[in-house]
C-alpha atoms as a PDB file:
ATOM      1  CA  MET A   1      17.576  10.010  11.121  1.00  0.00           C
ATOM      2  CA  THR A   2      19.814  11.545   8.488  1.00  0.00           C
ATOM      3  CA  ILE A   3      20.727   8.591   6.515  1.00  0.00           C
ATOM      4  CA  LEU A   4      18.923  10.125   3.413  1.00  0.00           C
ATOM      5  CA  LYS A   5      19.756  14.021   3.985  1.00  0.00           C
ATOM      6  CA  GLY A   6      23.508  13.269   2.606  1.00  0.00           C
ATOM      7  CA  LEU A   7      22.490  10.721   0.151  1.00  0.00           C
ATOM      8  CA  LEU A   8      19.799  12.807  -1.703  1.00  0.00           C
ATOM      9  CA  ALA A   9      21.926  15.943  -1.342  1.00  0.00           C
ATOM     10  CA  SER A  10      24.854  14.263  -3.027  1.00  0.00           C
ATOM     11  CA  ALA A  11      23.408  11.978  -5.410  1.00  0.00           C
ATOM     12  CA  ALA A  12      23.322  12.773  -9.199  1.00  0.00           C
ATOM     13  CA  VAL A  13      20.037  12.501 -10.810  1.00  0.00           C
ATOM     14  CA  VAL A  14      20.837  10.883 -14.193  1.00  0.00           C
ATOM     15  CA  ALA A  15      18.771  11.751 -17.215  1.00  0.00           C
ATOM     16  CA  LEU A  16      18.031   8.808 -19.373  1.00  0.00           C
ATOM     17  CA  SER A  17      15.739  10.115 -22.006  1.00  0.00           C
ATOM     18  CA  THR A  18      14.556  13.406 -23.538  1.00  0.00           C
ATOM     19  CA  THR A  19      11.277  12.094 -24.772  1.00  0.00           C
ATOM     20  CA  VAL A  20       8.123  13.968 -24.147  1.00  0.00           C
ATOM     21  CA  ALA A  21       6.513  12.794 -20.692  1.00  0.00           C
ATOM     22  CA  SER A  22       3.336  10.690 -20.625  1.00  0.00           C
ATOM     23  CA  ALA A  23       1.225  10.177 -17.485  1.00  0.00           C
ATOM     24  CA  ALA A  24       2.495   7.531 -15.633  1.00  0.00           C
ATOM     25  CA  ASP A  25       0.199   4.338 -14.740  1.00  0.00           C
ATOM     26  CA  ILE A  26       1.912   2.890 -11.477  1.00  0.00           C
ATOM     27  CA  ALA A  27       1.366  -0.289  -9.738  1.00  0.00           C
ATOM     28  CA  ILE A  28       2.710  -0.539  -6.350  1.00  0.00           C
ATOM     29  CA  ILE A  29       2.176  -3.879  -4.399  1.00  0.00           C
ATOM     30  CA  GLY A  30       2.471  -3.787  -0.712  1.00  0.00           C
ATOM     31  CA  GLY A  31       1.384  -5.568   2.590  1.00  0.00           C
ATOM     32  CA  LYS A  32      -2.012  -5.868   4.398  1.00  0.00           C
ATOM     33  CA  SER A  33      -4.050  -2.954   5.427  1.00  0.00           C
ATOM     34  CA  ASP A  34      -4.007  -4.003   9.111  1.00  0.00           C
ATOM     35  CA  ASP A  35      -0.088  -4.083   9.181  1.00  0.00           C
ATOM     36  CA  SER A  36       0.840  -1.292  11.211  1.00  0.00           C
ATOM     37  CA  PHE A  37       4.201  -1.119   9.270  1.00  0.00           C
ATOM     38  CA  PHE A  38       2.827  -0.952   5.782  1.00  0.00           C
ATOM     39  CA  ALA A  39       0.278   1.815   7.034  1.00  0.00           C
ATOM     40  CA  LYS A  40       3.613   4.243   7.161  1.00  0.00           C
ATOM     41  CA  ILE A  41       4.612   2.873   3.805  1.00  0.00           C
ATOM     42  CA  LYS A  42       0.995   3.490   2.533  1.00  0.00           C
ATOM     43  CA  LYS A  43       1.259   7.069   3.928  1.00  0.00           C
ATOM     44  CA  GLY A  44       4.226   7.784   1.993  1.00  0.00           C
ATOM     45  CA  ILE A  45       2.570   6.110  -1.091  1.00  0.00           C
ATOM     46  CA  ASP A  46      -0.457   8.388  -0.635  1.00  0.00           C
ATOM     47  CA  ASP A  47       1.599  11.512  -0.188  1.00  0.00           C
ATOM     48  CA  ALA A  48       3.559  10.565  -3.368  1.00  0.00           C
ATOM     49  CA  THR A  49       0.423   9.888  -5.275  1.00  0.00           C
ATOM     50  CA  LEU A  50      -0.337  13.743  -5.077  1.00  0.00           C
ATOM     51  CA  VAL A  51       2.839  14.375  -7.389  1.00  0.00           C
ATOM     52  CA  VAL A  52       1.744  11.652  -9.837  1.00  0.00           C
ATOM     53  CA  GLU A  53      -1.658  12.901 -10.219  1.00  0.00           C
ATOM     54  CA  ALA A  54      -0.314  16.420 -10.376  1.00  0.00           C
ATOM     55  CA  HIS A  55       1.600  14.998 -13.557  1.00  0.00           C
ATOM     56  CA  GLY A  56      -1.907  13.368 -15.037  1.00  0.00           C
ATOM     57  CA  GLY A  57      -0.849   9.809 -13.770  1.00  0.00           C
ATOM     58  CA  LYS A  58      -2.460   7.287 -11.306  1.00  0.00           C
ATOM     59  CA  VAL A  59      -1.271   4.851  -8.764  1.00  0.00           C
ATOM     60  CA  ASN A  60      -2.928   1.574  -8.095  1.00  0.00           C
ATOM     61  CA  TYR A  61      -2.005   0.032  -4.642  1.00  0.00           C
ATOM     62  CA  LEU A  62      -2.397  -3.822  -4.838  1.00  0.00           C
ATOM     63  CA  GLN A  63      -2.126  -5.286  -1.192  1.00  0.00           C
ATOM     64  CA  LEU A  64      -2.021  -8.676   0.092  1.00  0.00           C
ATOM     65  CA  GLN A  65      -4.923  -9.834   1.848  1.00  0.00           C
ATOM     66  CA  THR A  66      -2.748 -12.374   4.314  1.00  0.00           C
ATOM     67  CA  TYR A  67       0.535 -13.429   4.807  1.00  0.00           C
ATOM     68  CA  ASP A  68       0.031 -17.107   4.729  1.00  0.00           C
ATOM     69  CA  ASN A  69       1.526 -17.345   1.221  1.00  0.00           C
ATOM     70  CA  ILE A  70       3.336 -14.281   0.974  1.00  0.00           C
ATOM     71  CA  GLY A  71       5.683 -14.965  -1.974  1.00  0.00           C
ATOM     72  CA  GLY A  72       2.870 -16.770  -4.235  1.00  0.00           C
ATOM     73  CA  ASP A  73       0.510 -14.045  -3.622  1.00  0.00           C
ATOM     74  CA  ALA A  74       2.804 -11.193  -4.057  1.00  0.00           C
ATOM     75  CA  ALA A  75       3.743 -12.880  -7.307  1.00  0.00           C
ATOM     76  CA  ASN A  76       0.038 -13.170  -8.403  1.00  0.00           C
ATOM     77  CA  LEU A  77      -0.183  -9.338  -7.706  1.00  0.00           C
ATOM     78  CA  VAL A  78       2.532  -8.614  -9.954  1.00  0.00           C
ATOM     79  CA  ARG A  79       0.813 -10.917 -12.698  1.00  0.00           C
ATOM     80  CA  THR A  80      -2.279  -8.687 -12.012  1.00  0.00           C
ATOM     81  CA  ALA A  81      -0.339  -5.624 -12.849  1.00  0.00           C
ATOM     82  CA  ILE A  82       1.116  -7.043 -15.988  1.00  0.00           C
ATOM     83  CA  SER A  83      -2.413  -7.740 -17.135  1.00  0.00           C
ATOM     84  CA  GLN A  84      -3.351  -4.187 -16.386  1.00  0.00           C
ATOM     85  CA  GLU A  85      -0.516  -3.245 -18.801  1.00  0.00           C
ATOM     86  CA  VAL A  86       0.683  -0.711 -16.325  1.00  0.00           C
ATOM     87  CA  ASP A  87       3.695   1.512 -17.111  1.00  0.00           C
ATOM     88  CA  ILE A  88       6.120   0.546 -14.233  1.00  0.00           C
ATOM     89  CA  ILE A  89       5.794  -1.825 -11.090  1.00  0.00           C
ATOM     90  CA  ALA A  90       7.249  -1.363  -7.524  1.00  0.00           C
ATOM     91  CA  VAL A  91       7.297  -4.410  -5.371  1.00  0.00           C
ATOM     92  CA  PRO A  92       8.990  -5.876  -2.355  1.00  0.00           C
ATOM     93  CA  ASN A  93      10.457  -9.120  -3.145  1.00  0.00           C
ATOM     94  CA  TRP A  94       9.957 -11.063   0.059  1.00  0.00           C
ATOM     95  CA  VAL A  95      10.378 -14.549  -1.415  1.00  0.00           C
ATOM     96  CA  PRO A  96      12.709 -14.544  -4.264  1.00  0.00           C
ATOM     97  CA  ASP A  97      12.247 -18.100  -5.087  1.00  0.00           C
ATOM     98  CA  THR A  98       8.825 -17.494  -5.758  1.00  0.00           C
ATOM     99  CA  GLN A  99       8.686 -13.778  -6.884  1.00  0.00           C
ATOM    100  CA  ASP A 100      11.501 -13.797  -9.179  1.00  0.00           C
ATOM    101  CA  GLU A 101       9.776 -15.394 -12.145  1.00  0.00           C
ATOM    102  CA  ALA A 102       6.820 -13.122 -12.090  1.00  0.00           C
ATOM    103  CA  ILE A 103       9.246  -9.979 -11.896  1.00  0.00           C
ATOM    104  CA  LYS A 104      10.973 -11.186 -14.784  1.00  0.00           C
ATOM    105  CA  ALA A 105       7.747 -11.698 -16.649  1.00  0.00           C
ATOM    106  CA  ALA A 106       6.847  -8.128 -16.007  1.00  0.00           C
ATOM    107  CA  MET A 107      10.207  -6.850 -17.667  1.00  0.00           C
ATOM    108  CA  ASP A 108      10.010  -9.319 -20.491  1.00  0.00           C
ATOM    109  CA  ALA A 109       6.553  -7.588 -21.376  1.00  0.00           C
ATOM    110  CA  GLY A 110       8.448  -4.319 -21.280  1.00  0.00           C
ATOM    111  CA  ILE A 111       7.546  -3.076 -17.756  1.00  0.00           C
ATOM    112  CA  PRO A 112      10.155  -1.808 -15.815  1.00  0.00           C
ATOM    113  CA  VAL A 113      10.451  -2.724 -12.082  1.00  0.00           C
ATOM    114  CA  ILE A 114      11.655  -1.064  -8.894  1.00  0.00           C
ATOM    115  CA  LEU A 115      12.164  -3.349  -5.864  1.00  0.00           C
ATOM    116  CA  TYR A 116      11.423  -1.651  -2.508  1.00  0.00           C
ATOM    117  CA  ASN A 117      11.310  -2.778   1.236  1.00  0.00           C
ATOM    118  CA  ALA A 118      12.471  -6.426   0.673  1.00  0.00           C
ATOM    119  CA  GLY A 119      14.893  -7.862  -1.860  1.00  0.00           C
ATOM    120  CA  GLY A 120      18.113  -5.990  -1.548  1.00  0.00           C
ATOM    121  CA  GLY A 121      20.550  -4.274  -3.846  1.00  0.00           C
ATOM    122  CA  ASP A 122      22.060  -7.372  -5.083  1.00  0.00           C
ATOM    123  CA  LYS A 123      18.909  -9.056  -6.069  1.00  0.00           C
ATOM    124  CA  ALA A 124      17.859  -5.676  -7.915  1.00  0.00           C
ATOM    125  CA  LYS A 125      20.811  -6.044  -9.889  1.00  0.00           C
ATOM    126  CA  GLU A 126      20.339  -9.710 -10.798  1.00  0.00           C
ATOM    127  CA  LEU A 127      17.006  -9.068 -11.936  1.00  0.00           C
ATOM    128  CA  GLY A 128      17.661  -5.932 -13.878  1.00  0.00           C
ATOM    129  CA  ALA A 129      15.184  -3.682 -11.809  1.00  0.00           C
ATOM    130  CA  ILE A 130      15.782  -0.168 -11.831  1.00  0.00           C
ATOM    131  CA  ASN A 131      16.735   0.097  -8.307  1.00  0.00           C
ATOM    132  CA  TYR A 132      16.050  -1.180  -4.862  1.00  0.00           C
ATOM    133  CA  ILE A 133      14.935   1.306  -2.130  1.00  0.00           C
ATOM    134  CA  GLY A 134      14.872   0.287   1.433  1.00  0.00           C
ATOM    135  CA  ASN A 135      16.987  -1.432   4.181  1.00  0.00           C
ATOM    136  CA  GLU A 136      19.535  -4.270   3.586  1.00  0.00           C
ATOM    137  CA  GLU A 137      18.033  -6.790   6.341  1.00  0.00           C
ATOM    138  CA  TYR A 138      21.165  -8.856   7.091  1.00  0.00           C
ATOM    139  CA  PRO A 139      23.286  -5.864   7.993  1.00  0.00           C
ATOM    140  CA  ALA A 140      20.491  -4.228   9.851  1.00  0.00           C
ATOM    141  CA  GLY A 141      20.177  -7.474  11.817  1.00  0.00           C
ATOM    142  CA  LEU A 142      23.809  -7.562  12.443  1.00  0.00           C
ATOM    143  CA  ALA A 143      23.738  -4.080  13.909  1.00  0.00           C
ATOM    144  CA  GLY A 144      20.882  -5.379  16.227  1.00  0.00           C
ATOM    145  CA  GLY A 145      22.744  -8.283  17.374  1.00  0.00           C
ATOM    146  CA  ARG A 146      25.876  -6.426  18.217  1.00  0.00           C
ATOM    147  CA  TYR A 147      23.867  -3.763  19.954  1.00  0.00           C
ATOM    148  CA  PHE A 148      22.283  -6.362  22.033  1.00  0.00           C
ATOM    149  CA  ALA A 149      25.798  -7.740  22.814  1.00  0.00           C
ATOM    150  CA  ALA A 150      27.328  -4.427  23.829  1.00  0.00           C
ATOM    151  CA  HIS A 151      24.487  -3.853  26.068  1.00  0.00           C
ATOM    152  CA  GLY A 152      24.862  -7.111  27.987  1.00  0.00           C
ATOM    153  CA  ALA A 153      22.512  -9.501  26.478  1.00  0.00           C
ATOM    154  CA  LYS A 154      24.122 -13.075  26.119  1.00  0.00           C
ATOM    155  CA  ASN A 155      21.132 -15.235  24.761  1.00  0.00           C
ATOM    156  CA  VAL A 156      18.542 -13.618  22.509  1.00  0.00           C
ATOM    157  CA  ILE A 157      15.459 -15.079  20.866  1.00  0.00           C
ATOM    158  CA  CYS A 158      14.440 -13.490  17.536  1.00  0.00           C
ATOM    159  CA  VAL A 159      10.504 -13.593  17.043  1.00  0.00           C
ATOM    160  CA  ASN A 160       9.608 -14.447  13.618  1.00  0.00           C
ATOM    161  CA  THR A 161       6.097 -14.196  12.723  1.00  0.00           C
ATOM    162  CA  VAL A 162       6.259 -14.783   9.031  1.00  0.00           C
ATOM    163  CA  PRO A 163       8.802 -17.574   8.707  1.00  0.00           C
ATOM    164  CA  GLY A 164       9.920 -18.169   5.397  1.00  0.00           C
ATOM    165  CA  ALA A 165       9.889 -14.564   4.214  1.00  0.00           C
ATOM    166  CA  GLY A 166      13.502 -13.975   3.280  1.00  0.00           C
ATOM    167  CA  ASN A 167      13.807 -10.518   4.685  1.00  0.00           C
ATOM    168  CA  LEU A 168      12.575 -11.528   7.987  1.00  0.00           C
ATOM    169  CA  GLU A 169      14.850 -14.646   8.067  1.00  0.00           C
ATOM    170  CA  ASP A 170      17.762 -12.500   7.035  1.00  0.00           C
ATOM    171  CA  ARG A 171      16.931 -10.267  10.139  1.00  0.00           C
ATOM    172  CA  CYS A 172      17.036 -13.088  12.515  1.00  0.00           C
ATOM    173  CA  ARG A 173      20.091 -14.497  10.897  1.00  0.00           C
ATOM    174  CA  GLY A 174      21.766 -11.260  11.210  1.00  0.00           C
ATOM    175  CA  ILE A 175      20.830 -10.855  15.178  1.00  0.00           C
ATOM    176  CA  ALA A 176      22.447 -14.350  15.524  1.00  0.00           C
ATOM    177  CA  ASP A 177      25.659 -13.591  13.760  1.00  0.00           C
ATOM    178  CA  GLY A 178      26.001 -10.060  15.669  1.00  0.00           C
ATOM    179  CA  MET A 179      25.586 -11.979  18.930  1.00  0.00           C
ATOM    180  CA  ALA A 180      28.007 -14.620  17.922  1.00  0.00           C
ATOM    181  CA  GLU A 181      30.792 -12.133  17.197  1.00  0.00           C
ATOM    182  CA  SER A 182      30.935 -11.401  20.950  1.00  0.00           C
ATOM    183  CA  GLY A 183      30.674 -15.212  21.736  1.00  0.00           C
ATOM    184  CA  PHE A 184      27.065 -14.972  22.654  1.00  0.00           C
ATOM    185  CA  ALA A 185      23.944 -16.859  21.195  1.00  0.00           C
ATOM    186  CA  SER A 186      20.687 -16.122  19.458  1.00  0.00           C
ATOM    187  CA  LYS A 187      17.987 -18.337  18.290  1.00  0.00           C
ATOM    188  CA  GLN A 188      14.892 -17.843  16.002  1.00  0.00           C
ATOM    189  CA  LEU A 189      11.463 -18.617  17.624  1.00  0.00           C
ATOM    190  CA  PRO A 190       9.522 -19.118  14.405  1.00  0.00           C
ATOM    191  CA  LEU A 191       5.671 -18.980  14.906  1.00  0.00           C
ATOM    192  CA  PRO A 192       2.722 -20.079  12.433  1.00  0.00           C
ATOM    193  CA  ALA A 193       2.087 -17.136   9.837  1.00  0.00           C
ATOM    194  CA  SER A 194      -1.496 -17.112  11.189  1.00  0.00           C
ATOM    195  CA  SER A 195      -0.207 -15.630  14.393  1.00  0.00           C
ATOM    196  CA  PHE A 196       0.770 -12.273  12.437  1.00  0.00           C
ATOM    197  CA  GLY A 197      -1.821  -9.764  13.585  1.00  0.00           C
ATOM    198  CA  ASP A 198      -2.740 -11.923  16.637  1.00  0.00           C
ATOM    199  CA  PRO A 199      -1.200  -9.950  19.414  1.00  0.00           C
ATOM    200  CA  THR A 200      -2.574 -12.631  21.924  1.00  0.00           C
ATOM    201  CA  ALA A 201      -1.096 -15.804  20.098  1.00  0.00           C
ATOM    202  CA  VAL A 202       2.226 -13.912  19.930  1.00  0.00           C
ATOM    203  CA  ALA A 203       2.331 -12.760  23.441  1.00  0.00           C
ATOM    204  CA  GLU A 204       1.364 -16.438  24.717  1.00  0.00           C
ATOM    205  CA  ALA A 205       4.064 -17.994  22.672  1.00  0.00           C
ATOM    206  CA  ILE A 206       6.917 -15.704  23.635  1.00  0.00           C
ATOM    207  CA  LYS A 207       5.760 -15.895  27.534  1.00  0.00           C
ATOM    208  CA  ALA A 208       5.961 -19.753  27.264  1.00  0.00           C
ATOM    209  CA  THR A 209       9.486 -19.460  25.674  1.00  0.00           C
ATOM    210  CA  LEU A 210      10.646 -17.274  28.577  1.00  0.00           C
ATOM    211  CA  ILE A 211       9.177 -19.243  31.245  1.00  0.00           C
ATOM    212  CA  GLY A 212      10.810 -22.434  29.806  1.00  0.00           C
ATOM    213  CA  ASP A 213      14.115 -20.793  29.621  1.00  0.00           C
ATOM    214  CA  ASP A 214      15.660 -18.768  32.306  1.00  0.00           C
ATOM    215  CA  THR A 215      18.838 -17.963  30.391  1.00  0.00           C
ATOM    216  CA  ILE A 216      17.136 -15.863  27.964  1.00  0.00           C
ATOM    217  CA  ASP A 217      18.121 -12.271  28.657  1.00  0.00           C
ATOM    218  CA  GLY A 218      16.955 -10.456  25.348  1.00  0.00           C
ATOM    219  CA  VAL A 219      13.878 -10.608  23.044  1.00  0.00           C
ATOM    220  CA  PHE A 220      13.903  -9.097  19.272  1.00  0.00           C
ATOM    221  CA  ALA A 221      10.749  -8.727  17.462  1.00  0.00           C
ATOM    222  CA  ILE A 222      10.565  -8.534  13.880  1.00  0.00           C
ATOM    223  CA  SER A 223       7.996  -5.712  13.907  1.00  0.00           C
ATOM    224  CA  SER A 224       6.484  -2.841  16.150  1.00  0.00           C
ATOM    225  CA  ALA A 225       3.399  -4.918  16.653  1.00  0.00           C
ATOM    226  CA  ASP A 226       5.162  -8.261  17.836  1.00  0.00           C
ATOM    227  CA  ALA A 227       7.314  -5.690  20.109  1.00  0.00           C
ATOM    228  CA  ASP A 228       4.045  -4.742  21.833  1.00  0.00           C
ATOM    229  CA  SER A 229       3.058  -8.518  22.025  1.00  0.00           C
ATOM    230  CA  ALA A 230       6.659  -9.098  23.450  1.00  0.00           C
ATOM    231  CA  PHE A 231       6.256  -6.219  26.188  1.00  0.00           C
ATOM    232  CA  ILE A 232       3.062  -7.933  27.222  1.00  0.00           C
ATOM    233  CA  ALA A 233       4.902 -11.245  27.222  1.00  0.00           C
ATOM    234  CA  LEU A 234       7.717  -9.750  29.502  1.00  0.00           C
ATOM    235  CA  GLN A 235       5.292  -8.309  31.916  1.00  0.00           C
ATOM    236  CA  GLN A 236       3.330 -11.485  32.143  1.00  0.00           C
ATOM    237  CA  ALA A 237       6.241 -13.728  32.641  1.00  0.00           C
ATOM    238  CA  GLY A 238       7.499 -11.249  35.400  1.00  0.00           C
ATOM    239  CA  LYS A 239      10.804 -10.564  33.335  1.00  0.00           C
ATOM    240  CA  ALA A 240      10.100  -6.866  32.168  1.00  0.00           C
ATOM    241  CA  ASN A 241      13.262  -5.900  34.464  1.00  0.00           C
ATOM    242  CA  SER A 242      15.689  -8.496  33.568  1.00  0.00           C
ATOM    243  CA  VAL A 243      15.281  -9.167  29.625  1.00  0.00           C
ATOM    244  CA  SER A 244      15.962  -6.729  27.193  1.00  0.00           C
ATOM    245  CA  LEU A 245      13.598  -5.752  24.278  1.00  0.00           C
ATOM    246  CA  GLY A 246      14.564  -4.861  20.851  1.00  0.00           C
ATOM    247  CA  SER A 247      12.725  -4.382  17.764  1.00  0.00           C
ATOM    248  CA  PHE A 248      12.791  -3.928  13.960  1.00  0.00           C
ATOM    249  CA  ASP A 249      10.504  -0.953  13.254  1.00  0.00           C
ATOM    250  CA  MET A 250       8.698   1.236  15.578  1.00  0.00           C
ATOM    251  CA  ASN A 251       5.247   2.516  16.758  1.00  0.00           C
ATOM    252  CA  VAL A 252       4.408   5.207  19.170  1.00  0.00           C
ATOM    253  CA  ALA A 253       3.894   2.579  22.066  1.00  0.00           C
ATOM    254  CA  GLY A 254       7.458   1.392  21.335  1.00  0.00           C
ATOM    255  CA  LEU A 255       8.860   5.000  21.208  1.00  0.00           C
ATOM    256  CA  GLU A 256       7.606   5.688  24.484  1.00  0.00           C
ATOM    257  CA  ARG A 257       8.892   2.332  25.895  1.00  0.00           C
ATOM    258  CA  ILE A 258      12.322   3.498  24.575  1.00  0.00           C
ATOM    259  CA  ARG A 259      11.708   7.085  26.261  1.00  0.00           C
ATOM    260  CA  ASP A 260      10.728   5.312  29.498  1.00  0.00           C
ATOM    261  CA  GLU A 261      13.493   2.637  29.591  1.00  0.00           C
ATOM    262  CA  GLU A 262      11.276  -0.056  29.072  1.00  0.00           C
ATOM    263  CA  GLN A 263      12.589  -0.907  25.667  1.00  0.00           C
ATOM    264  CA  LEU A 264      16.162  -1.047  24.729  1.00  0.00           C
ATOM    265  CA  PHE A 265      16.300   0.009  21.215  1.00  0.00           C
ATOM    266  CA  ALA A 266      14.748  -0.268  17.804  1.00  0.00           C
ATOM    267  CA  ILE A 267      15.905  -0.498  14.425  1.00  0.00           C
ATOM    268  CA  ASP A 268      14.585   2.082  11.897  1.00  0.00           C
ATOM    269  CA  GLN A 269      14.145   1.582   8.063  1.00  0.00           C
ATOM    270  CA  GLN A 270      12.164   4.629   7.446  1.00  0.00           C
ATOM    271  CA  PRO A 271       9.003   3.074   6.044  1.00  0.00           C
ATOM    272  CA  TRP A 272       7.402   6.449   5.093  1.00  0.00           C
ATOM    273  CA  LEU A 273      10.295   7.302   2.640  1.00  0.00           C
ATOM    274  CA  GLN A 274      10.350   3.735   1.136  1.00  0.00           C
ATOM    275  CA  GLY A 275       6.778   4.421  -0.183  1.00  0.00           C
ATOM    276  CA  PHE A 276       7.315   7.988  -0.961  1.00  0.00           C
ATOM    277  CA  LEU A 277      10.525   7.200  -2.971  1.00  0.00           C
ATOM    278  CA  ALA A 278       9.320   4.035  -4.743  1.00  0.00           C
ATOM    279  CA  VAL A 279       6.274   6.257  -6.160  1.00  0.00           C
ATOM    280  CA  THR A 280       7.939   9.466  -6.804  1.00  0.00           C
ATOM    281  CA  LEU A 281      11.213   7.692  -8.671  1.00  0.00           C
ATOM    282  CA  ALA A 282       8.540   5.427 -10.577  1.00  0.00           C
ATOM    283  CA  ASP A 283       6.879   8.778 -11.776  1.00  0.00           C
ATOM    284  CA  GLY A 284      10.046  10.315 -12.544  1.00  0.00           C
ATOM    285  CA  TYR A 285      11.458   7.438 -14.564  1.00  0.00           C
ATOM    286  CA  VAL A 286       8.198   6.832 -16.547  1.00  0.00           C
ATOM    287  CA  ASN A 287       7.695  10.629 -17.461  1.00  0.00           C
ATOM    288  CA  TYR A 288      11.269  11.932 -17.756  1.00  0.00           C
ATOM    289  CA  GLY A 289      13.571   9.136 -17.653  1.00  0.00           C
ATOM    290  CA  LEU A 290      14.918   9.946 -14.301  1.00  0.00           C
ATOM    291  CA  ALA A 291      16.771   7.517 -12.248  1.00  0.00           C
ATOM    292  CA  MET A 292      19.177   7.825  -9.191  1.00  0.00           C
ATOM    293  CA  ALA A 293      22.881   7.505  -9.655  1.00  0.00           C
ATOM    294  CA  THR A 294      22.925   5.750  -6.377  1.00  0.00           C
ATOM    295  CA  THR A 295      22.069   2.143  -6.016  1.00  0.00           C
ATOM    296  CA  PRO A 296      20.726   0.715  -3.955  1.00  0.00           C
ATOM    297  CA  LEU A 297      18.721   3.741  -2.177  1.00  0.00           C
ATOM    298  CA  LEU A 298      19.145   2.726   1.499  1.00  0.00           C
ATOM    299  CA  THR A 299      16.649   4.154   3.958  1.00  0.00           C
ATOM    300  CA  GLY A 300      18.141   2.175   7.000  1.00  0.00           C
ATOM    301  CA  PRO A 301      19.163   0.678   9.329  1.00  0.00           C
ATOM    302  CA  GLY A 302      19.468   3.416  11.909  1.00  0.00           C
ATOM    303  CA  ILE A 303      19.432   2.708  15.680  1.00  0.00           C
ATOM    304  CA  VAL A 304      16.784   4.315  17.827  1.00  0.00           C
ATOM    305  CA  ASP A 305      17.424   4.410  21.564  1.00  0.00           C
ATOM    306  CA  SER A 306      17.768   6.781  24.723  1.00  0.00           C
ATOM    307  CA  ALA A 307      20.048   9.101  22.700  1.00  0.00           C
ATOM    308  CA  ASN A 308      17.867  10.212  19.837  1.00  0.00           C
ATOM    309  CA  ILE A 309      14.451   9.291  21.311  1.00  0.00           C
ATOM    310  CA  ALA A 310      13.001  12.736  21.459  1.00  0.00           C
ATOM    311  CA  ALA A 311      13.126  13.771  17.661  1.00  0.00           C
ATOM    312  CA  THR A 312      12.048  10.245  16.513  1.00  0.00           C
ATOM    313  CA  LEU A 313       8.967  10.452  18.673  1.00  0.00           C
ATOM    314  CA  LYS A 314       7.794  13.606  17.132  1.00  0.00           C
ATOM    315  CA  GLY A 315       7.821  11.831  13.800  1.00  0.00           C
ATOM    316  CA  GLY A 316       6.223   8.996  15.141  1.00  0.00           C
ATOM    317  CA  GLU A 317       3.263  10.739  16.364  1.00  0.00           C
ATOM    318  CA  GLN A 318       2.701  12.227  13.078  1.00  0.00           C
ATOM    319  CA  GLY A 319       2.727   8.742  11.466  1.00  0.00           C
ATOM    320  CA  TYR A 320       5.950   9.187   9.608  1.00  0.00           C
ATOM    321  CA  ARG A 321       8.303   7.099  11.978  1.00  0.00           C
END
């Protein structure tokens, strides 16, 4: 992936202040500890924490315990950070209708906010956040839908294990619109939020859907873990050779499937970079008044397929992709 190489090489870093630096107290809100995607973000956070600690600061990772009430729980974690009187907050804006009030309350209390992973550049501008770091979900889904259509899929299901989360709804909406551009179809398969992290439940739901509709020729999973479940479902339904599999995000198993031509593609948003940049930019802003001149700061989307799998797999094996 070279999405950020050119961006970071060409973007000017603007000094907003010349005041003497003080050690940054950073709160960063994130996903569950057993979420394989957020494990990569957390790796980026942990690596960046070394920079913060070298400057005398600290990073407090406030994580969700479940995804059953993702917006409300994330908003409460923002309120927790406010009560801790931190210097800056980095937070995904998964459910804006629920989280915006808490984010505004942080800024009203004089605490600057960076959006990362979910929310998008327009939302960051609307709220007055410093920046957005991550993927623009709808365009990423659109790219996925177009890729499916270009490779022969005509009827794709988008499996959503956290329905109601705005970023995931946008992914599935993008898939549908990308397919529709070529006259093809996609519909969402929403599963209970309790199914997240339950590979058996996800696989069974996908298998039942495939068996019930022989016209489905593509399955799109909103996470790498769900893609693992979808692959099992394809095998159990006897459709591994007739239904194409795509996913948002990647793990080593998914990358190996792409290498072995058992999965068509994955959409990469470089989660390690999201965590690393959220923390290092927060540290630079608090200590030195630094901010990127480029907004939003996009880490994706990028398509990983048979053409670029070798280099990507190396990064996946080391926990960075």
